[in-house]
PDB file of N, CA and C in Angstrom:
ATOM      1  N   MET A   1      58.418 199.512 201.699  1.00  0.00           N
ATOM      2  CA  MET A   1      58.220 199.891 202.770  1.00  0.00           C
ATOM      3  C   MET A   1      56.400 199.563 202.639  1.00  0.00           C
ATOM      4  N   HIS A   2      55.833 199.131 203.759  1.00  0.00           N
ATOM      5  CA  HIS A   2      54.562 199.271 203.515  1.00  0.00           C
ATOM      6  C   HIS A   2      54.103 199.130 204.981  1.00  0.00           C
ATOM      7  N   THR A   3      52.849 199.490 205.102  1.00  0.00           N
ATOM      8  CA  THR A   3      51.949 199.614 206.576  1.00  0.00           C
ATOM      9  C   THR A   3      50.935 198.588 206.797  1.00  0.00           C
ATOM     10  N   VAL A   4      51.225 198.152 208.327  1.00  0.00           N
ATOM     11  CA  VAL A   4      50.297 197.313 208.705  1.00  0.00           C
ATOM     12  C   VAL A   4      49.741 197.739 210.376  1.00  0.00           C
ATOM     13  N   GLY A   5      48.407 197.284 210.109  1.00  0.00           N
ATOM     14  CA  GLY A   5      47.908 197.850 212.131  1.00  0.00           C
ATOM     15  C   GLY A   5      48.493 196.646 212.845  1.00  0.00           C
ATOM     16  N   VAL A   6      48.244 197.286 214.049  1.00  0.00           N
ATOM     17  CA  VAL A   6      48.476 196.572 215.455  1.00  0.00           C
ATOM     18  C   VAL A   6      48.530 195.488 215.044  1.00  0.00           C
ATOM     19  N   PHE A   7      47.280 195.080 215.189  1.00  0.00           N
ATOM     20  CA  PHE A   7      46.808 193.624 215.097  1.00  0.00           C
ATOM     21  C   PHE A   7      47.029 192.583 214.228  1.00  0.00           C
ATOM     22  N   GLU A   8      47.224 193.250 212.884  1.00  0.00           N
ATOM     23  CA  GLU A   8      48.193 192.029 211.862  1.00  0.00           C
ATOM     24  C   GLU A   8      49.314 192.064 212.107  1.00  0.00           C
ATOM     25  N   GLY A   9      49.917 193.224 212.508  1.00  0.00           N
ATOM     26  CA  GLY A   9      51.491 192.992 212.642  1.00  0.00           C
ATOM     27  C   GLY A   9      51.847 192.108 214.117  1.00  0.00           C
ATOM     28  N   LYS A  10      50.623 192.113 214.823  1.00  0.00           N
ATOM     29  CA  LYS A  10      51.071 190.712 215.813  1.00  0.00           C
ATOM     30  C   LYS A  10      51.052 189.337 215.172  1.00  0.00           C
ATOM     31  N   ASN A  11      50.029 189.257 214.468  1.00  0.00           N
ATOM     32  CA  ASN A  11      49.499 188.038 214.042  1.00  0.00           C
ATOM     33  C   ASN A  11      50.472 187.409 212.740  1.00  0.00           C
ATOM     34  N   ARG A  12      51.313 188.620 212.083  1.00  0.00           N
ATOM     35  CA  ARG A  12      52.413 188.418 211.097  1.00  0.00           C
ATOM     36  C   ARG A  12      53.940 188.602 211.591  1.00  0.00           C
ATOM     37  N   LEU A  13      54.012 188.613 212.757  1.00  0.00           N
ATOM     38  CA  LEU A  13      55.217 188.897 213.253  1.00  0.00           C
ATOM     39  C   LEU A  13      56.627 188.279 212.683  1.00  0.00           C
ATOM     40  N   THR A  14      56.505 187.328 212.836  1.00  0.00           N
ATOM     41  CA  THR A  14      57.495 186.483 212.108  1.00  0.00           C
ATOM     42  C   THR A  14      58.133 186.912 210.570  1.00  0.00           C
ATOM     43  N   ALA A  15      56.749 186.656 210.001  1.00  0.00           N
ATOM     44  CA  ALA A  15      56.914 187.283 208.418  1.00  0.00           C
ATOM     45  C   ALA A  15      57.238 188.640 207.948  1.00  0.00           C
ATOM     46  N   LEU A  16      56.810 189.758 209.043  1.00  0.00           N
ATOM     47  CA  LEU A  16      57.106 191.173 209.002  1.00  0.00           C
ATOM     48  C   LEU A  16      59.037 190.943 209.455  1.00  0.00           C
ATOM     49  N   LEU A  17      59.448 190.349 210.421  1.00  0.00           N
ATOM     50  CA  LEU A  17      60.952 190.558 210.695  1.00  0.00           C
ATOM     51  C   LEU A  17      61.504 189.901 209.325  1.00  0.00           C
ATOM     52  N   ASP A  18      61.410 188.837 208.936  1.00  0.00           N
ATOM     53  CA  ASP A  18      61.683 188.560 207.448  1.00  0.00           C
ATOM     54  C   ASP A  18      62.000 189.339 206.788  1.00  0.00           C
ATOM     55  N   GLU A  19      60.946 190.138 206.637  1.00  0.00           N
ATOM     56  CA  GLU A  19      60.856 190.914 205.432  1.00  0.00           C
ATOM     57  C   GLU A  19      61.941 191.987 205.847  1.00  0.00           C
ATOM     58  N   VAL A  20      61.922 192.564 207.100  1.00  0.00           N
ATOM     59  CA  VAL A  20      62.923 193.778 207.727  1.00  0.00           C
ATOM     60  C   VAL A  20      64.219 192.921 207.635  1.00  0.00           C
ATOM     61  N   GLU A  21      64.458 191.484 207.732  1.00  0.00           N
ATOM     62  CA  GLU A  21      65.934 191.319 207.599  1.00  0.00           C
ATOM     63  C   GLU A  21      66.505 191.219 206.025  1.00  0.00           C
ATOM     64  N   CYS A  22      65.588 191.217 205.485  1.00  0.00           N
ATOM     65  CA  CYS A  22      65.861 191.400 204.344  1.00  0.00           C
ATOM     66  C   CYS A  22      66.120 192.583 203.695  1.00  0.00           C
ATOM     67  N   GLY A  23      66.332 193.844 204.551  1.00  0.00           N
ATOM     68  CA  GLY A  23      66.604 194.877 204.048  1.00  0.00           C
ATOM     69  C   GLY A  23      65.105 195.833 204.009  1.00  0.00           C
ATOM     70  N   GLY A  24      63.948 195.944 204.222  1.00  0.00           N
ATOM     71  CA  GLY A  24      62.555 196.405 203.900  1.00  0.00           C
ATOM     72  C   GLY A  24      62.398 196.906 205.634  1.00  0.00           C
ATOM     73  N   GLU A  25      61.263 198.009 205.599  1.00  0.00           N
ATOM     74  CA  GLU A  25      60.539 198.331 206.533  1.00  0.00           C
ATOM     75  C   GLU A  25      59.339 198.584 206.372  1.00  0.00           C
ATOM     76  N   VAL A  26      59.061 198.545 207.840  1.00  0.00           N
ATOM     77  CA  VAL A  26      57.379 198.420 207.692  1.00  0.00           C
ATOM     78  C   VAL A  26      56.777 199.360 209.246  1.00  0.00           C
ATOM     79  N   ILE A  27      55.978 200.401 208.432  1.00  0.00           N
ATOM     80  CA  ILE A  27      55.177 201.074 209.304  1.00  0.00           C
ATOM     81  C   ILE A  27      54.163 200.721 210.203  1.00  0.00           C
ATOM     82  N   ILE A  28      53.850 200.791 211.558  1.00  0.00           N
ATOM     83  CA  ILE A  28      53.095 200.291 211.956  1.00  0.00           C
ATOM     84  C   ILE A  28      51.700 201.461 212.526  1.00  0.00           C
ATOM     85  N   THR A  29      50.873 200.748 212.374  1.00  0.00           N
ATOM     86  CA  THR A  29      49.802 202.175 212.755  1.00  0.00           C
ATOM     87  C   THR A  29      48.585 201.534 213.518  1.00  0.00           C
ATOM     88  N   ARG A  30      48.276 202.283 214.550  1.00  0.00           N
ATOM     89  CA  ARG A  30      47.157 202.362 215.332  1.00  0.00           C
ATOM     90  C   ARG A  30      45.872 203.102 214.774  1.00  0.00           C
ATOM     91  N   ARG A  31      45.021 202.630 214.383  1.00  0.00           N
ATOM     92  CA  ARG A  31      43.448 203.257 214.156  1.00  0.00           C
ATOM     93  C   ARG A  31      44.230 204.422 212.742  1.00  0.00           C
ATOM     94  N   GLY A  32      44.815 203.980 211.856  1.00  0.00           N
ATOM     95  CA  GLY A  32      45.135 204.458 210.825  1.00  0.00           C
ATOM     96  C   GLY A  32      46.332 205.837 210.993  1.00  0.00           C
ATOM     97  N   LYS A  33      46.797 205.579 212.034  1.00  0.00           N
ATOM     98  CA  LYS A  33      47.865 206.830 212.586  1.00  0.00           C
ATOM     99  C   LYS A  33      49.227 206.358 212.843  1.00  0.00           C
ATOM    100  N   PRO A  34      50.412 206.126 211.717  1.00  0.00           N
ATOM    101  CA  PRO A  34      51.486 205.700 211.896  1.00  0.00           C
ATOM    102  C   PRO A  34      52.232 205.380 213.760  1.00  0.00           C
ATOM    103  N   ILE A  35      52.412 204.513 214.228  1.00  0.00           N
ATOM    104  CA  ILE A  35      53.227 204.888 215.458  1.00  0.00           C
ATOM    105  C   ILE A  35      54.399 204.515 215.660  1.00  0.00           C
ATOM    106  N   ALA A  36      54.810 203.408 214.907  1.00  0.00           N
ATOM    107  CA  ALA A  36      56.175 202.617 215.123  1.00  0.00           C
ATOM    108  C   ALA A  36      56.680 202.631 213.790  1.00  0.00           C
ATOM    109  N   ARG A  37      57.793 202.603 213.476  1.00  0.00           N
ATOM    110  CA  ARG A  37      58.566 201.796 212.297  1.00  0.00           C
ATOM    111  C   ARG A  37      59.484 200.358 212.900  1.00  0.00           C
ATOM    112  N   LEU A  38      59.251 199.655 211.884  1.00  0.00           N
ATOM    113  CA  LEU A  38      60.313 198.118 211.899  1.00  0.00           C
ATOM    114  C   LEU A  38      61.342 198.342 211.150  1.00  0.00           C
ATOM    115  N   ALA A  39      62.502 198.700 211.497  1.00  0.00           N
ATOM    116  CA  ALA A  39      63.749 198.455 210.537  1.00  0.00           C
ATOM    117  C   ALA A  39      64.970 197.883 211.072  1.00  0.00           C
ATOM    118  N   PRO A  40      65.512 197.794 209.694  1.00  0.00           N
ATOM    119  CA  PRO A  40      66.586 196.612 210.335  1.00  0.00           C
ATOM    120  C   PRO A  40      67.423 197.441 211.041  1.00  0.00           C
ATOM    121  N   LEU A  41      68.873 197.003 212.103  1.00  0.00           N
ATOM    122  CA  LEU A  41      69.507 197.403 212.854  1.00  0.00           C
ATOM    123  C   LEU A  41      70.722 197.982 212.095  1.00  0.00           C
ATOM    124  N   GLU A  42      71.055 197.306 211.125  1.00  0.00           N
ATOM    125  CA  GLU A  42      72.165 197.924 210.123  1.00  0.00           C
ATOM    126  C   GLU A  42      71.447 198.237 208.934  1.00  0.00           C
ATOM    127  N   GLY A  43      72.189 199.160 208.174  1.00  0.00           N
ATOM    128  CA  GLY A  43      71.164 199.759 207.279  1.00  0.00           C
ATOM    129  C   GLY A  43      71.991 198.428 206.003  1.00  0.00           C
ATOM    130  N   GLY A  44      70.968 198.082 205.043  1.00  0.00           N
ATOM    131  CA  GLY A  44      71.515 197.357 204.067  1.00  0.00           C
ATOM    132  C   GLY A  44      71.958 197.883 202.792  1.00  0.00           C
ATOM    133  N   PHE A  45      71.785 199.026 202.312  1.00  0.00           N
ATOM    134  CA  PHE A  45      72.364 199.500 201.244  1.00  0.00           C
ATOM    135  C   PHE A  45      72.641 201.235 201.593  1.00  0.00           C
ATOM    136  N   ASP A  46      74.149 201.784 201.163  1.00  0.00           N
ATOM    137  CA  ASP A  46      74.515 203.142 201.539  1.00  0.00           C
ATOM    138  C   ASP A  46      73.982 203.366 200.011  1.00  0.00           C
ATOM    139  N   ARG A  47      73.196 204.508 199.768  1.00  0.00           N
ATOM    140  CA  ARG A  47      73.290 204.818 198.790  1.00  0.00           C
ATOM    141  C   ARG A  47      74.379 205.934 198.488  1.00  0.00           C
ATOM    142  N   ALA A  48      75.303 206.633 199.396  1.00  0.00           N
ATOM    143  CA  ALA A  48      76.181 207.535 199.199  1.00  0.00           C
ATOM    144  C   ALA A  48      77.240 206.535 199.302  1.00  0.00           C
ATOM    145  N   LYS A  49      77.514 205.638 199.579  1.00  0.00           N
ATOM    146  CA  LYS A  49      78.780 204.565 199.606  1.00  0.00           C
ATOM    147  C   LYS A  49      78.817 204.179 197.907  1.00  0.00           C
ATOM    148  N   ALA A  50      77.620 203.978 197.672  1.00  0.00           N
ATOM    149  CA  ALA A  50      77.512 203.495 195.847  1.00  0.00           C
ATOM    150  C   ALA A  50      77.517 204.599 195.326  1.00  0.00           C
ATOM    151  N   ARG A  51      76.783 205.546 195.020  1.00  0.00           N
ATOM    152  CA  ARG A  51      77.297 207.042 194.522  1.00  0.00           C
ATOM    153  C   ARG A  51      79.013 207.029 194.294  1.00  0.00           C
ATOM    154  N   ALA A  52      79.709 207.499 195.397  1.00  0.00           N
ATOM    155  CA  ALA A  52      81.197 207.679 195.823  1.00  0.00           C
ATOM    156  C   ALA A  52      81.522 206.468 194.753  1.00  0.00           C
ATOM    157  N   ALA A  53      81.490 205.307 194.905  1.00  0.00           N
ATOM    158  CA  ALA A  53      81.848 204.153 194.155  1.00  0.00           C
ATOM    159  C   ALA A  53      81.762 204.315 192.564  1.00  0.00           C
ATOM    160  N   ALA A  54      80.784 204.960 192.400  1.00  0.00           N
ATOM    161  CA  ALA A  54      80.221 204.935 190.620  1.00  0.00           C
ATOM    162  C   ALA A  54      81.246 206.354 190.312  1.00  0.00           C
ATOM    163  N   GLU A  55      81.204 207.247 191.094  1.00  0.00           N
ATOM    164  CA  GLU A  55      81.971 208.397 190.789  1.00  0.00           C
ATOM    165  C   GLU A  55      83.506 207.847 190.480  1.00  0.00           C
ATOM    166  N   GLY A  56      83.965 207.346 191.823  1.00  0.00           N
ATOM    167  CA  GLY A  56      85.387 206.859 191.474  1.00  0.00           C
ATOM    168  C   GLY A  56      85.921 206.557 190.515  1.00  0.00           C
ATOM    169  N   LEU A  57      84.878 204.983 189.558  1.00  0.00           N
ATOM    170  CA  LEU A  57      85.083 204.686 188.343  1.00  0.00           C
ATOM    171  C   LEU A  57      85.187 205.669 187.460  1.00  0.00           C
ATOM    172  N   ARG A  58      84.113 206.109 187.708  1.00  0.00           N
ATOM    173  CA  ARG A  58      84.051 207.169 186.474  1.00  0.00           C
ATOM    174  C   ARG A  58      85.535 208.110 186.011  1.00  0.00           C
ATOM    175  N   ALA A  59      85.485 208.690 187.419  1.00  0.00           N
ATOM    176  CA  ALA A  59      87.216 209.378 187.428  1.00  0.00           C
ATOM    177  C   ALA A  59      88.351 208.656 186.826  1.00  0.00           C
ATOM    178  N   ALA A  60      88.287 207.189 186.923  1.00  0.00           N
ATOM    179  CA  ALA A  60      89.255 206.171 187.038  1.00  0.00           C
ATOM    180  C   ALA A  60      89.444 206.256 185.879  1.00  0.00           C
ATOM    181  N   SER A  61      88.626 205.986 184.490  1.00  0.00           N
ATOM    182  CA  SER A  61      87.674 205.866 183.316  1.00  0.00           C
ATOM    183  C   SER A  61      88.119 206.837 182.170  1.00  0.00           C
ATOM    184  N   LYS A  62      88.754 208.194 183.126  1.00  0.00           N
ATOM    185  CA  LYS A  62      88.715 209.414 182.054  1.00  0.00           C
ATOM    186  C   LYS A  62      90.067 209.303 181.303  1.00  0.00           C
ATOM    187  N   GLY A  63      90.252 209.757 180.193  1.00  0.00           N
ATOM    188  CA  GLY A  63      91.174 209.588 179.647  1.00  0.00           C
ATOM    189  C   GLY A  63      91.917 208.171 178.915  1.00  0.00           C
ATOM    190  N   LEU A  64      91.168 206.796 179.480  1.00  0.00           N
ATOM    191  CA  LEU A  64      91.458 205.968 178.981  1.00  0.00           C
ATOM    192  C   LEU A  64      90.678 205.402 177.425  1.00  0.00           C
ATOM    193  N   SER A  65      91.503 204.898 176.896  1.00  0.00           N
ATOM    194  CA  SER A  65      90.733 204.617 175.398  1.00  0.00           C
ATOM    195  C   SER A  65      90.930 203.162 174.903  1.00  0.00           C
ATOM    196  N   LEU A  66      90.359 202.833 173.887  1.00  0.00           N
ATOM    197  CA  LEU A  66      90.571 201.174 173.430  1.00  0.00           C
ATOM    198  C   LEU A  66      91.463 201.252 172.090  1.00  0.00           C
ATOM    199  N   GLY A  67      92.071 202.157 172.324  1.00  0.00           N
ATOM    200  CA  GLY A  67      93.596 202.178 171.304  1.00  0.00           C
ATOM    201  C   GLY A  67      92.949 201.822 169.540  1.00  0.00           C
ATOM    202  N   GLY A  68      91.707 202.480 169.308  1.00  0.00           N
ATOM    203  CA  GLY A  68      91.005 202.461 168.171  1.00  0.00           C
ATOM    204  C   GLY A  68      90.359 201.376 167.844  1.00  0.00           C
ATOM    205  N   ILE A  69      89.897 200.767 168.632  1.00  0.00           N
ATOM    206  CA  ILE A  69      89.034 199.803 168.532  1.00  0.00           C
ATOM    207  C   ILE A  69      87.773 199.839 168.496  1.00  0.00           C
ATOM    208  N   SER A  70      86.805 199.830 167.975  1.00  0.00           N
ATOM    209  CA  SER A  70      85.555 200.082 168.334  1.00  0.00           C
ATOM    210  C   SER A  70      84.434 199.271 169.776  1.00  0.00           C
ATOM    211  N   ILE A  71      83.585 199.708 170.087  1.00  0.00           N
ATOM    212  CA  ILE A  71      83.326 198.829 170.700  1.00  0.00           C
ATOM    213  C   ILE A  71      82.233 197.621 170.046  1.00  0.00           C
ATOM    214  N   LYS A  72      81.646 197.848 169.009  1.00  0.00           N
ATOM    215  CA  LYS A  72      80.954 196.884 168.057  1.00  0.00           C
ATOM    216  C   LYS A  72      82.190 195.723 167.787  1.00  0.00           C
ATOM    217  N   ASP A  73      83.476 195.972 167.497  1.00  0.00           N
ATOM    218  CA  ASP A  73      84.470 194.749 166.900  1.00  0.00           C
ATOM    219  C   ASP A  73      84.682 194.022 168.450  1.00  0.00           C
ATOM    220  N   LEU A  74      84.538 194.879 169.626  1.00  0.00           N
ATOM    221  CA  LEU A  74      84.773 194.115 170.615  1.00  0.00           C
ATOM    222  C   LEU A  74      83.950 193.021 170.661  1.00  0.00           C
ATOM    223  N   ILE A  75      82.671 193.333 170.471  1.00  0.00           N
ATOM    224  CA  ILE A  75      81.487 192.707 170.899  1.00  0.00           C
ATOM    225  C   ILE A  75      81.445 191.866 169.914  1.00  0.00           C
ATOM    226  N   SER A  76      81.383 191.904 168.240  1.00  0.00           N
ATOM    227  CA  SER A  76      81.742 190.799 167.533  1.00  0.00           C
ATOM    228  C   SER A  76      83.006 189.957 167.562  1.00  0.00           C
ATOM    229  N   GLU A  77      83.935 190.207 168.088  1.00  0.00           N
ATOM    230  CA  GLU A  77      85.173 189.406 169.052  1.00  0.00           C
ATOM    231  C   GLU A  77      84.432 187.885 169.873  1.00  0.00           C
ATOM    232  N   GLY A  78      83.638 188.669 170.788  1.00  0.00           N
ATOM    233  CA  GLY A  78      83.426 188.134 171.603  1.00  0.00           C
ATOM    234  C   GLY A  78      82.146 186.725 171.251  1.00  0.00           C
ATOM    235  N   ARG A  79      81.785 187.115 170.228  1.00  0.00           N
ATOM    236  CA  ARG A  79      80.572 186.173 169.387  1.00  0.00           C
ATOM    237  C   ARG A  79      81.131 185.166 168.899  1.00  0.00           C
ATOM    238  N   ARG A  80      82.576 185.134 168.622  1.00  0.00           N
ATOM    239  CA  ARG A  80      83.040 184.001 167.630  1.00  0.00           C
ATOM    240  C   ARG A  80      83.078 182.453 167.968  1.00  0.00           C
TER     241      ARG A  80
END
């Protein structure tokens, strides 16, 4: 997220919209005071969903083992 003045925002609107389309946010200021935020309509990255997915993977992997095979053995086997 970055800040632009009104004049610069008017001159670079297309570039700012491209940035917002990719998930970015822009704060628009007038005389140094924030007056608006340009943000995507739909959230791009949902941190809560990602955290829940990671917790689900951790929970699902508890109690699983490699059956006595070490990670080093698996890595070296993959390099053959």
